[in-house]
Amino acid sequence: MEMQQLIERSHLDPGVVNAWIEAEWLQPATDGTGLDFSEADFARALLIQELRMDFGVNDDGIAIVLHLLDQLYGLRSLLKDICTADASAFGRDDG
């Protein structure tokens, strides 16, 4: 989705979105003509908004939460890869 769609769906100010991109809290793809936000970027923007508005988390706290979430998702992906590799190895007939 384009920046305008993200802003309309999230009700965020464009300056806020740009600040979050500069802080690397949001990392949209670039397609040469503009920014391309994924559904994951949209969900992340809503999470950041909720942490700030509903829970009063400051910028340093948000950076920590996002870093921990990124680690969690990375480990989850790695575990999935390991389980897939194990299932493939277990399913092979070596003898």
PDB file of N, CA and C in Angstrom:
ATOM      1  N   MET A   1       0.846  -1.178   0.000  1.00  0.00           N
ATOM      2  CA  MET A   1       0.000   0.000   0.000  1.00  0.00           C
ATOM      3  C   MET A   1       0.887   1.235   0.000  1.00  0.00           C
ATOM      4  N   GLU A   2       0.366   2.290  -0.548  1.00  0.00           N
ATOM      5  CA  GLU A   2       1.106   3.544  -0.613  1.00  0.00           C
ATOM      6  C   GLU A   2       0.973   4.302   0.700  1.00  0.00           C
ATOM      7  N   MET A   3       1.808   5.319   0.858  1.00  0.00           N
ATOM      8  CA  MET A   3       1.809   6.141   2.074  1.00  0.00           C
ATOM      9  C   MET A   3       0.418   6.679   2.373  1.00  0.00           C
ATOM     10  N   GLN A   4      -0.281   7.201   1.372  1.00  0.00           N
ATOM     11  CA  GLN A   4      -1.606   7.780   1.587  1.00  0.00           C
ATOM     12  C   GLN A   4      -2.584   6.738   2.121  1.00  0.00           C
ATOM     13  N   GLN A   5      -2.503   5.524   1.619  1.00  0.00           N
ATOM     14  CA  GLN A   5      -3.389   4.455   2.104  1.00  0.00           C
ATOM     15  C   GLN A   5      -3.078   4.121   3.557  1.00  0.00           C
ATOM     16  N   LEU A   6      -1.794   4.060   3.892  1.00  0.00           N
ATOM     17  CA  LEU A   6      -1.403   3.788   5.277  1.00  0.00           C
ATOM     18  C   LEU A   6      -1.929   4.877   6.200  1.00  0.00           C
ATOM     19  N   ILE A   7      -1.789   6.114   5.782  1.00  0.00           N
ATOM     20  CA  ILE A   7      -2.244   7.245   6.597  1.00  0.00           C
ATOM     21  C   ILE A   7      -3.760   7.206   6.782  1.00  0.00           C
ATOM     22  N   GLU A   8      -4.480   6.928   5.705  1.00  0.00           N
ATOM     23  CA  GLU A   8      -5.940   6.875   5.794  1.00  0.00           C
ATOM     24  C   GLU A   8      -6.404   5.728   6.689  1.00  0.00           C
ATOM     25  N   ARG A   9      -5.782   4.571   6.559  1.00  0.00           N
ATOM     26  CA  ARG A   9      -6.199   3.410   7.353  1.00  0.00           C
ATOM     27  C   ARG A   9      -5.815   3.535   8.822  1.00  0.00           C
ATOM     28  N   SER A  10      -4.669   4.134   9.094  1.00  0.00           N
ATOM     29  CA  SER A  10      -4.172   4.204  10.472  1.00  0.00           C
ATOM     30  C   SER A  10      -4.546   5.508  11.176  1.00  0.00           C
ATOM     31  N   HIS A  11      -4.972   6.507  10.400  1.00  0.00           N
ATOM     32  CA  HIS A  11      -5.300   7.834  10.933  1.00  0.00           C
ATOM     33  C   HIS A  11      -4.075   8.502  11.565  1.00  0.00           C
ATOM     34  N   LEU A  12      -2.898   8.225  11.010  1.00  0.00           N
ATOM     35  CA  LEU A  12      -1.670   8.832  11.488  1.00  0.00           C
ATOM     36  C   LEU A  12      -1.337  10.067  10.663  1.00  0.00           C
ATOM     37  N   ASP A  13      -0.600  10.972  11.266  1.00  0.00           N
ATOM     38  CA  ASP A  13      -0.106  12.157  10.585  1.00  0.00           C
ATOM     39  C   ASP A  13       1.073  11.752   9.691  1.00  0.00           C
ATOM     40  N   PRO A  14       1.173  12.289   8.484  1.00  0.00           N
ATOM     41  CA  PRO A  14       2.293  11.941   7.600  1.00  0.00           C
ATOM     42  C   PRO A  14       3.658  12.214   8.226  1.00  0.00           C
ATOM     43  N   GLY A  15       3.757  13.276   9.011  1.00  0.00           N
ATOM     44  CA  GLY A  15       5.020  13.583   9.687  1.00  0.00           C
ATOM     45  C   GLY A  15       5.414  12.504  10.680  1.00  0.00           C
ATOM     46  N   VAL A  16       4.421  11.951  11.349  1.00  0.00           N
ATOM     47  CA  VAL A  16       4.672  10.869  12.305  1.00  0.00           C
ATOM     48  C   VAL A  16       5.174   9.632  11.569  1.00  0.00           C
ATOM     49  N   VAL A  17       4.523   9.299  10.473  1.00  0.00           N
ATOM     50  CA  VAL A  17       4.942   8.128   9.686  1.00  0.00           C
ATOM     51  C   VAL A  17       6.368   8.322   9.188  1.00  0.00           C
ATOM     52  N   ASN A  18       6.666   9.511   8.692  1.00  0.00           N
ATOM     53  CA  ASN A  18       8.029   9.791   8.223  1.00  0.00           C
ATOM     54  C   ASN A  18       9.050   9.688   9.355  1.00  0.00           C
ATOM     55  N   ALA A  19       8.688  10.149  10.544  1.00  0.00           N
ATOM     56  CA  ALA A  19       9.591  10.043  11.697  1.00  0.00           C
ATOM     57  C   ALA A  19       9.834   8.580  12.056  1.00  0.00           C
ATOM     58  N   TRP A  20       8.798   7.760  11.974  1.00  0.00           N
ATOM     59  CA  TRP A  20       8.950   6.338  12.281  1.00  0.00           C
ATOM     60  C   TRP A  20       9.804   5.634  11.231  1.00  0.00           C
ATOM     61  N   ILE A  21       9.713   6.086   9.991  1.00  0.00           N
ATOM     62  CA  ILE A  21      10.563   5.527   8.934  1.00  0.00           C
ATOM     63  C   ILE A  21      12.015   5.921   9.200  1.00  0.00           C
ATOM     64  N   GLU A  22      12.247   7.177   9.560  1.00  0.00           N
ATOM     65  CA  GLU A  22      13.603   7.640   9.874  1.00  0.00           C
ATOM     66  C   GLU A  22      14.186   6.907  11.072  1.00  0.00           C
ATOM     67  N   ALA A  23      13.338   6.586  12.041  1.00  0.00           N
ATOM     68  CA  ALA A  23      13.785   5.837  13.220  1.00  0.00           C
ATOM     69  C   ALA A  23      13.944   4.345  12.922  1.00  0.00           C
ATOM     70  N   GLU A  24      13.570   3.946  11.714  1.00  0.00           N
ATOM     71  CA  GLU A  24      13.619   2.560  11.250  1.00  0.00           C
ATOM     72  C   GLU A  24      12.647   1.654  12.006  1.00  0.00           C
ATOM     73  N   TRP A  25      11.584   2.270  12.534  1.00  0.00           N
ATOM     74  CA  TRP A  25      10.518   1.476  13.141  1.00  0.00           C
ATOM     75  C   TRP A  25       9.630   0.889  12.064  1.00  0.00           C
ATOM     76  N   LEU A  26       9.491   1.607  10.970  1.00  0.00           N
ATOM     77  CA  LEU A  26       8.798   1.112   9.783  1.00  0.00           C
ATOM     78  C   LEU A  26       9.824   1.065   8.661  1.00  0.00           C
ATOM     79  N   GLN A  27       9.804  -0.015   7.892  1.00  0.00           N
ATOM     80  CA  GLN A  27      10.767  -0.166   6.811  1.00  0.00           C
ATOM     81  C   GLN A  27      10.061  -0.584   5.525  1.00  0.00           C
ATOM     82  N   PRO A  28       9.343   0.374   4.921  1.00  0.00           N
ATOM     83  CA  PRO A  28       8.631   0.042   3.686  1.00  0.00           C
ATOM     84  C   PRO A  28       9.606  -0.202   2.538  1.00  0.00           C
ATOM     85  N   ALA A  29       9.156  -0.993   1.595  1.00  0.00           N
ATOM     86  CA  ALA A  29       9.940  -1.207   0.379  1.00  0.00           C
ATOM     87  C   ALA A  29       9.827   0.043  -0.485  1.00  0.00           C
ATOM     88  N   THR A  30      10.816   0.253  -1.319  1.00  0.00           N
ATOM     89  CA  THR A  30      10.753   1.358  -2.269  1.00  0.00           C
ATOM     90  C   THR A  30      10.637   0.776  -3.664  1.00  0.00           C
ATOM     91  N   ASP A  31       9.703   1.315  -4.421  1.00  0.00           N
ATOM     92  CA  ASP A  31       9.468   0.790  -5.770  1.00  0.00           C
ATOM     93  C   ASP A  31       9.884   1.769  -6.857  1.00  0.00           C
ATOM     94  N   GLY A  32      10.714   2.726  -6.517  1.00  0.00           N
ATOM     95  CA  GLY A  32      11.171   3.699  -7.499  1.00  0.00           C
ATOM     96  C   GLY A  32      10.300   4.937  -7.581  1.00  0.00           C
ATOM     97  N   THR A  33       9.011   4.772  -7.364  1.00  0.00           N
ATOM     98  CA  THR A  33       8.103   5.914  -7.423  1.00  0.00           C
ATOM     99  C   THR A  33       7.653   6.364  -6.037  1.00  0.00           C
ATOM    100  N   GLY A  34       7.866   5.544  -5.039  1.00  0.00           N
ATOM    101  CA  GLY A  34       7.436   5.897  -3.693  1.00  0.00           C
ATOM    102  C   GLY A  34       7.642   4.742  -2.746  1.00  0.00           C
ATOM    103  N   LEU A  35       7.000   4.838  -1.602  1.00  0.00           N
ATOM    104  CA  LEU A  35       7.120   3.824  -0.573  1.00  0.00           C
ATOM    105  C   LEU A  35       5.990   2.808  -0.714  1.00  0.00           C
ATOM    106  N   ASP A  36       6.319   1.558  -0.455  1.00  0.00           N
ATOM    107  CA  ASP A  36       5.335   0.484  -0.545  1.00  0.00           C
ATOM    108  C   ASP A  36       5.265  -0.209   0.809  1.00  0.00           C
ATOM    109  N   PHE A  37       4.162   0.018   1.522  1.00  0.00           N
ATOM    110  CA  PHE A  37       3.960  -0.548   2.853  1.00  0.00           C
ATOM    111  C   PHE A  37       3.220  -1.875   2.752  1.00  0.00           C
ATOM    112  N   SER A  38       3.670  -2.850   3.511  1.00  0.00           N
ATOM    113  CA  SER A  38       3.007  -4.153   3.559  1.00  0.00           C
ATOM    114  C   SER A  38       1.956  -4.147   4.664  1.00  0.00           C
ATOM    115  N   GLU A  39       1.192  -5.217   4.726  1.00  0.00           N
ATOM    116  CA  GLU A  39       0.230  -5.364   5.830  1.00  0.00           C
ATOM    117  C   GLU A  39       0.970  -5.467   7.163  1.00  0.00           C
ATOM    118  N   ALA A  40       2.165  -6.051   7.149  1.00  0.00           N
ATOM    119  CA  ALA A  40       2.977  -6.128   8.369  1.00  0.00           C
ATOM    120  C   ALA A  40       3.393  -4.723   8.820  1.00  0.00           C
ATOM    121  N   ASP A  41       3.727  -3.850   7.864  1.00  0.00           N
ATOM    122  CA  ASP A  41       4.054  -2.467   8.205  1.00  0.00           C
ATOM    123  C   ASP A  41       2.843  -1.777   8.826  1.00  0.00           C
ATOM    124  N   PHE A  42       1.675  -2.021   8.257  1.00  0.00           N
ATOM    125  CA  PHE A  42       0.446  -1.435   8.789  1.00  0.00           C
ATOM    126  C   PHE A  42       0.202  -1.914  10.223  1.00  0.00           C
ATOM    127  N   ALA A  43       0.335  -3.216  10.454  1.00  0.00           N
ATOM    128  CA  ALA A  43       0.136  -3.770  11.796  1.00  0.00           C
ATOM    129  C   ALA A  43       1.161  -3.197  12.775  1.00  0.00           C
ATOM    130  N   ARG A  44       2.383  -3.036  12.307  1.00  0.00           N
ATOM    131  CA  ARG A  44       3.445  -2.474  13.144  1.00  0.00           C
ATOM    132  C   ARG A  44       3.126  -1.019  13.492  1.00  0.00           C
ATOM    133  N   ALA A  45       2.619  -0.258  12.527  1.00  0.00           N
ATOM    134  CA  ALA A  45       2.238   1.132  12.791  1.00  0.00           C
ATOM    135  C   ALA A  45       1.133   1.200  13.846  1.00  0.00           C
ATOM    136  N   LEU A  46       0.165   0.310  13.751  1.00  0.00           N
ATOM    137  CA  LEU A  46      -0.907   0.277  14.753  1.00  0.00           C
ATOM    138  C   LEU A  46      -0.357  -0.090  16.129  1.00  0.00           C
ATOM    139  N   LEU A  47       0.593  -1.029  16.168  1.00  0.00           N
ATOM    140  CA  LEU A  47       1.210  -1.407  17.439  1.00  0.00           C
ATOM    141  C   LEU A  47       1.946  -0.217  18.044  1.00  0.00           C
ATOM    142  N   ILE A  48       2.732   0.471  17.240  1.00  0.00           N
ATOM    143  CA  ILE A  48       3.469   1.639  17.739  1.00  0.00           C
ATOM    144  C   ILE A  48       2.494   2.683  18.273  1.00  0.00           C
ATOM    145  N   GLN A  49       1.442   2.920  17.517  1.00  0.00           N
ATOM    146  CA  GLN A  49       0.430   3.892  17.938  1.00  0.00           C
ATOM    147  C   GLN A  49      -0.203   3.478  19.270  1.00  0.00           C
ATOM    148  N   GLU A  50      -0.511   2.209  19.397  1.00  0.00           N
ATOM    149  CA  GLU A  50      -1.107   1.709  20.637  1.00  0.00           C
ATOM    150  C   GLU A  50      -0.139   1.820  21.809  1.00  0.00           C
ATOM    151  N   LEU A  51       1.123   1.460  21.590  1.00  0.00           N
ATOM    152  CA  LEU A  51       2.118   1.575  22.659  1.00  0.00           C
ATOM    153  C   LEU A  51       2.252   3.017  23.136  1.00  0.00           C
ATOM    154  N   ARG A  52       2.244   3.946  22.195  1.00  0.00           N
ATOM    155  CA  ARG A  52       2.392   5.364  22.548  1.00  0.00           C
ATOM    156  C   ARG A  52       1.150   5.910  23.227  1.00  0.00           C
ATOM    157  N   MET A  53      -0.005   5.717  22.594  1.00  0.00           N
ATOM    158  CA  MET A  53      -1.229   6.373  23.045  1.00  0.00           C
ATOM    159  C   MET A  53      -1.870   5.667  24.242  1.00  0.00           C
ATOM    160  N   ASP A  54      -1.992   4.349  24.162  1.00  0.00           N
ATOM    161  CA  ASP A  54      -2.721   3.622  25.199  1.00  0.00           C
ATOM    162  C   ASP A  54      -1.851   3.263  26.408  1.00  0.00           C
ATOM    163  N   PHE A  55      -0.565   3.016  26.156  1.00  0.00           N
ATOM    164  CA  PHE A  55       0.302   2.564  27.237  1.00  0.00           C
ATOM    165  C   PHE A  55       1.328   3.602  27.665  1.00  0.00           C
ATOM    166  N   GLY A  56       1.441   4.696  26.919  1.00  0.00           N
ATOM    167  CA  GLY A  56       2.358   5.763  27.297  1.00  0.00           C
ATOM    168  C   GLY A  56       3.830   5.394  27.197  1.00  0.00           C
ATOM    169  N   VAL A  57       4.158   4.471  26.314  1.00  0.00           N
ATOM    170  CA  VAL A  57       5.552   4.045  26.153  1.00  0.00           C
ATOM    171  C   VAL A  57       6.308   5.137  25.401  1.00  0.00           C
ATOM    172  N   ASN A  58       7.502   5.486  25.904  1.00  0.00           N
ATOM    173  CA  ASN A  58       8.296   6.517  25.238  1.00  0.00           C
ATOM    174  C   ASN A  58       9.079   5.908  24.072  1.00  0.00           C
ATOM    175  N   ASP A  59       9.785   6.764  23.330  1.00  0.00           N
ATOM    176  CA  ASP A  59      10.488   6.316  22.130  1.00  0.00           C
ATOM    177  C   ASP A  59      11.529   5.235  22.416  1.00  0.00           C
ATOM    178  N   ASP A  60      12.277   5.391  23.500  1.00  0.00           N
ATOM    179  CA  ASP A  60      13.273   4.366  23.842  1.00  0.00           C
ATOM    180  C   ASP A  60      12.607   3.030  24.130  1.00  0.00           C
ATOM    181  N   GLY A  61      11.481   3.067  24.823  1.00  0.00           N
ATOM    182  CA  GLY A  61      10.746   1.843  25.133  1.00  0.00           C
ATOM    183  C   GLY A  61      10.188   1.188  23.887  1.00  0.00           C
ATOM    184  N   ILE A  62       9.688   1.999  22.965  1.00  0.00           N
ATOM    185  CA  ILE A  62       9.155   1.456  21.712  1.00  0.00           C
ATOM    186  C   ILE A  62      10.264   0.789  20.920  1.00  0.00           C
ATOM    187  N   ALA A  63      11.433   1.415  20.861  1.00  0.00           N
ATOM    188  CA  ALA A  63      12.563   0.824  20.145  1.00  0.00           C
ATOM    189  C   ALA A  63      12.922  -0.539  20.734  1.00  0.00           C
ATOM    190  N   ILE A  64      12.883  -0.650  22.048  1.00  0.00           N
ATOM    191  CA  ILE A  64      13.196  -1.923  22.706  1.00  0.00           C
ATOM    192  C   ILE A  64      12.132  -2.963  22.387  1.00  0.00           C
ATOM    193  N   VAL A  65      10.862  -2.589  22.492  1.00  0.00           N
ATOM    194  CA  VAL A  65       9.765  -3.519  22.204  1.00  0.00           C
ATOM    195  C   VAL A  65       9.859  -4.023  20.767  1.00  0.00           C
ATOM    196  N   LEU A  66      10.089  -3.119  19.822  1.00  0.00           N
ATOM    197  CA  LEU A  66      10.178  -3.521  18.414  1.00  0.00           C
ATOM    198  C   LEU A  66      11.383  -4.424  18.167  1.00  0.00           C
ATOM    199  N   HIS A  67      12.502  -4.118  18.810  1.00  0.00           N
ATOM    200  CA  HIS A  67      13.690  -4.967  18.671  1.00  0.00           C
ATOM    201  C   HIS A  67      13.411  -6.379  19.201  1.00  0.00           C
ATOM    202  N   LEU A  68      12.772  -6.455  20.349  1.00  0.00           N
ATOM    203  CA  LEU A  68      12.449  -7.769  20.921  1.00  0.00           C
ATOM    204  C   LEU A  68      11.460  -8.535  20.049  1.00  0.00           C
ATOM    205  N   LEU A  69      10.477  -7.843  19.500  1.00  0.00           N
ATOM    206  CA  LEU A  69       9.530  -8.499  18.591  1.00  0.00           C
ATOM    207  C   LEU A  69      10.223  -9.011  17.335  1.00  0.00           C
ATOM    208  N   ASP A  70      11.141  -8.211  16.790  1.00  0.00           N
ATOM    209  CA  ASP A  70      11.896  -8.647  15.612  1.00  0.00           C
ATOM    210  C   ASP A  70      12.709  -9.896  15.931  1.00  0.00           C
ATOM    211  N   GLN A  71      13.325  -9.931  17.110  1.00  0.00           N
ATOM    212  CA  GLN A  71      14.076 -11.123  17.512  1.00  0.00           C
ATOM    213  C   GLN A  71      13.149 -12.328  17.649  1.00  0.00           C
ATOM    214  N   LEU A  72      11.996 -12.121  18.252  1.00  0.00           N
ATOM    215  CA  LEU A  72      11.042 -13.195  18.440  1.00  0.00           C
ATOM    216  C   LEU A  72      10.588 -13.777  17.100  1.00  0.00           C
ATOM    217  N   TYR A  73      10.244 -12.909  16.159  1.00  0.00           N
ATOM    218  CA  TYR A  73       9.810 -13.379  14.847  1.00  0.00           C
ATOM    219  C   TYR A  73      10.946 -14.066  14.101  1.00  0.00           C
ATOM    220  N   GLY A  74      12.171 -13.563  14.268  1.00  0.00           N
ATOM    221  CA  GLY A  74      13.324 -14.207  13.649  1.00  0.00           C
ATOM    222  C   GLY A  74      13.548 -15.607  14.204  1.00  0.00           C
ATOM    223  N   LEU A  75      13.442 -15.748  15.512  1.00  0.00           N
ATOM    224  CA  LEU A  75      13.597 -17.062  16.140  1.00  0.00           C
ATOM    225  C   LEU A  75      12.464 -18.004  15.751  1.00  0.00           C
ATOM    226  N   ARG A  76      11.278 -17.459  15.637  1.00  0.00           N
ATOM    227  CA  ARG A  76      10.132 -18.269  15.219  1.00  0.00           C
ATOM    228  C   ARG A  76      10.344 -18.810  13.804  1.00  0.00           C
ATOM    229  N   SER A  77      10.852 -17.975  12.930  1.00  0.00           N
ATOM    230  CA  SER A  77      11.134 -18.391  11.555  1.00  0.00           C
ATOM    231  C   SER A  77      12.234 -19.444  11.526  1.00  0.00           C
ATOM    232  N   LEU A  78      13.272 -19.241  12.327  1.00  0.00           N
ATOM    233  CA  LEU A  78      14.361 -20.215  12.407  1.00  0.00           C
ATOM    234  C   LEU A  78      13.865 -21.557  12.927  1.00  0.00           C
ATOM    235  N   LEU A  79      13.028 -21.535  13.951  1.00  0.00           N
ATOM    236  CA  LEU A  79      12.473 -22.764  14.499  1.00  0.00           C
ATOM    237  C   LEU A  79      11.624 -23.492  13.464  1.00  0.00           C
ATOM    238  N   LYS A  80      10.857 -22.745  12.706  1.00  0.00           N
ATOM    239  CA  LYS A  80      10.046 -23.343  11.643  1.00  0.00           C
ATOM    240  C   LYS A  80      10.942 -24.020  10.607  1.00  0.00           C
ATOM    241  N   ASP A  81      12.042 -23.360  10.232  1.00  0.00           N
ATOM    242  CA  ASP A  81      12.986 -23.941   9.277  1.00  0.00           C
ATOM    243  C   ASP A  81      13.619 -25.216   9.828  1.00  0.00           C
ATOM    244  N   ILE A  82      13.963 -25.205  11.097  1.00  0.00           N
ATOM    245  CA  ILE A  82      14.563 -26.383  11.722  1.00  0.00           C
ATOM    246  C   ILE A  82      13.567 -27.534  11.753  1.00  0.00           C
ATOM    247  N   CYS A  83      12.335 -27.239  12.108  1.00  0.00           N
ATOM    248  CA  CYS A  83      11.308 -28.288  12.156  1.00  0.00           C
ATOM    249  C   CYS A  83      11.057 -28.864  10.766  1.00  0.00           C
ATOM    250  N   THR A  84      11.063 -28.010   9.756  1.00  0.00           N
ATOM    251  CA  THR A  84      10.875 -28.478   8.380  1.00  0.00           C
ATOM    252  C   THR A  84      12.037 -29.357   7.958  1.00  0.00           C
ATOM    253  N   ALA A  85      13.257 -28.952   8.298  1.00  0.00           N
ATOM    254  CA  ALA A  85      14.445 -29.755   7.961  1.00  0.00           C
ATOM    255  C   ALA A  85      14.416 -31.093   8.680  1.00  0.00           C
ATOM    256  N   ASP A  86      14.028 -31.085   9.945  1.00  0.00           N
ATOM    257  CA  ASP A  86      13.938 -32.332  10.707  1.00  0.00           C
ATOM    258  C   ASP A  86      12.884 -33.255  10.126  1.00  0.00           C
ATOM    259  N   ALA A  87      11.747 -32.685   9.742  1.00  0.00           N
ATOM    260  CA  ALA A  87      10.673 -33.507   9.156  1.00  0.00           C
ATOM    261  C   ALA A  87      11.135 -34.117   7.847  1.00  0.00           C
ATOM    262  N   SER A  88      11.879 -33.354   7.054  1.00  0.00           N
ATOM    263  CA  SER A  88      12.399 -33.872   5.796  1.00  0.00           C
ATOM    264  C   SER A  88      13.409 -34.979   6.039  1.00  0.00           C
ATOM    265  N   ALA A  89      14.289 -34.783   7.005  1.00  0.00           N
ATOM    266  CA  ALA A  89      15.304 -35.786   7.323  1.00  0.00           C
ATOM    267  C   ALA A  89      14.660 -37.046   7.904  1.00  0.00           C
ATOM    268  N   PHE A  90      13.647 -36.871   8.705  1.00  0.00           N
ATOM    269  CA  PHE A  90      12.983 -38.022   9.333  1.00  0.00           C
ATOM    270  C   PHE A  90      12.207 -38.827   8.290  1.00  0.00           C
ATOM    271  N   GLY A  91      11.684 -38.151   7.290  1.00  0.00           N
ATOM    272  CA  GLY A  91      10.898 -38.806   6.263  1.00  0.00           C
ATOM    273  C   GLY A  91      11.718 -39.548   5.222  1.00  0.00           C
ATOM    274  N   ARG A  92      13.033 -39.302   5.179  1.00  0.00           N
ATOM    275  CA  ARG A  92      13.896 -39.967   4.206  1.00  0.00           C
ATOM    276  C   ARG A  92      14.158 -41.394   4.604  1.00  0.00           C
ATOM    277  N   ASP A  93      14.301 -42.231   3.607  1.00  0.00           N
ATOM    278  CA  ASP A  93      14.638 -43.639   3.824  1.00  0.00           C
ATOM    279  C   ASP A  93      16.101 -43.816   3.413  1.00  0.00           C
ATOM    280  N   ASP A  94      17.020 -43.822   4.398  1.00  0.00           N
ATOM    281  CA  ASP A  94      18.446 -43.928   4.113  1.00  0.00           C
ATOM    282  C   ASP A  94      18.920 -45.378   4.106  1.00  0.00           C
ATOM    283  N   GLY A  95      18.089 -46.326   4.310  1.00  0.00           N
ATOM    284  CA  GLY A  95      18.606 -47.675   4.407  1.00  0.00           C
ATOM    285  C   GLY A  95      17.725 -48.629   3.825  1.00  0.00           C
TER     286      GLY A  95
END
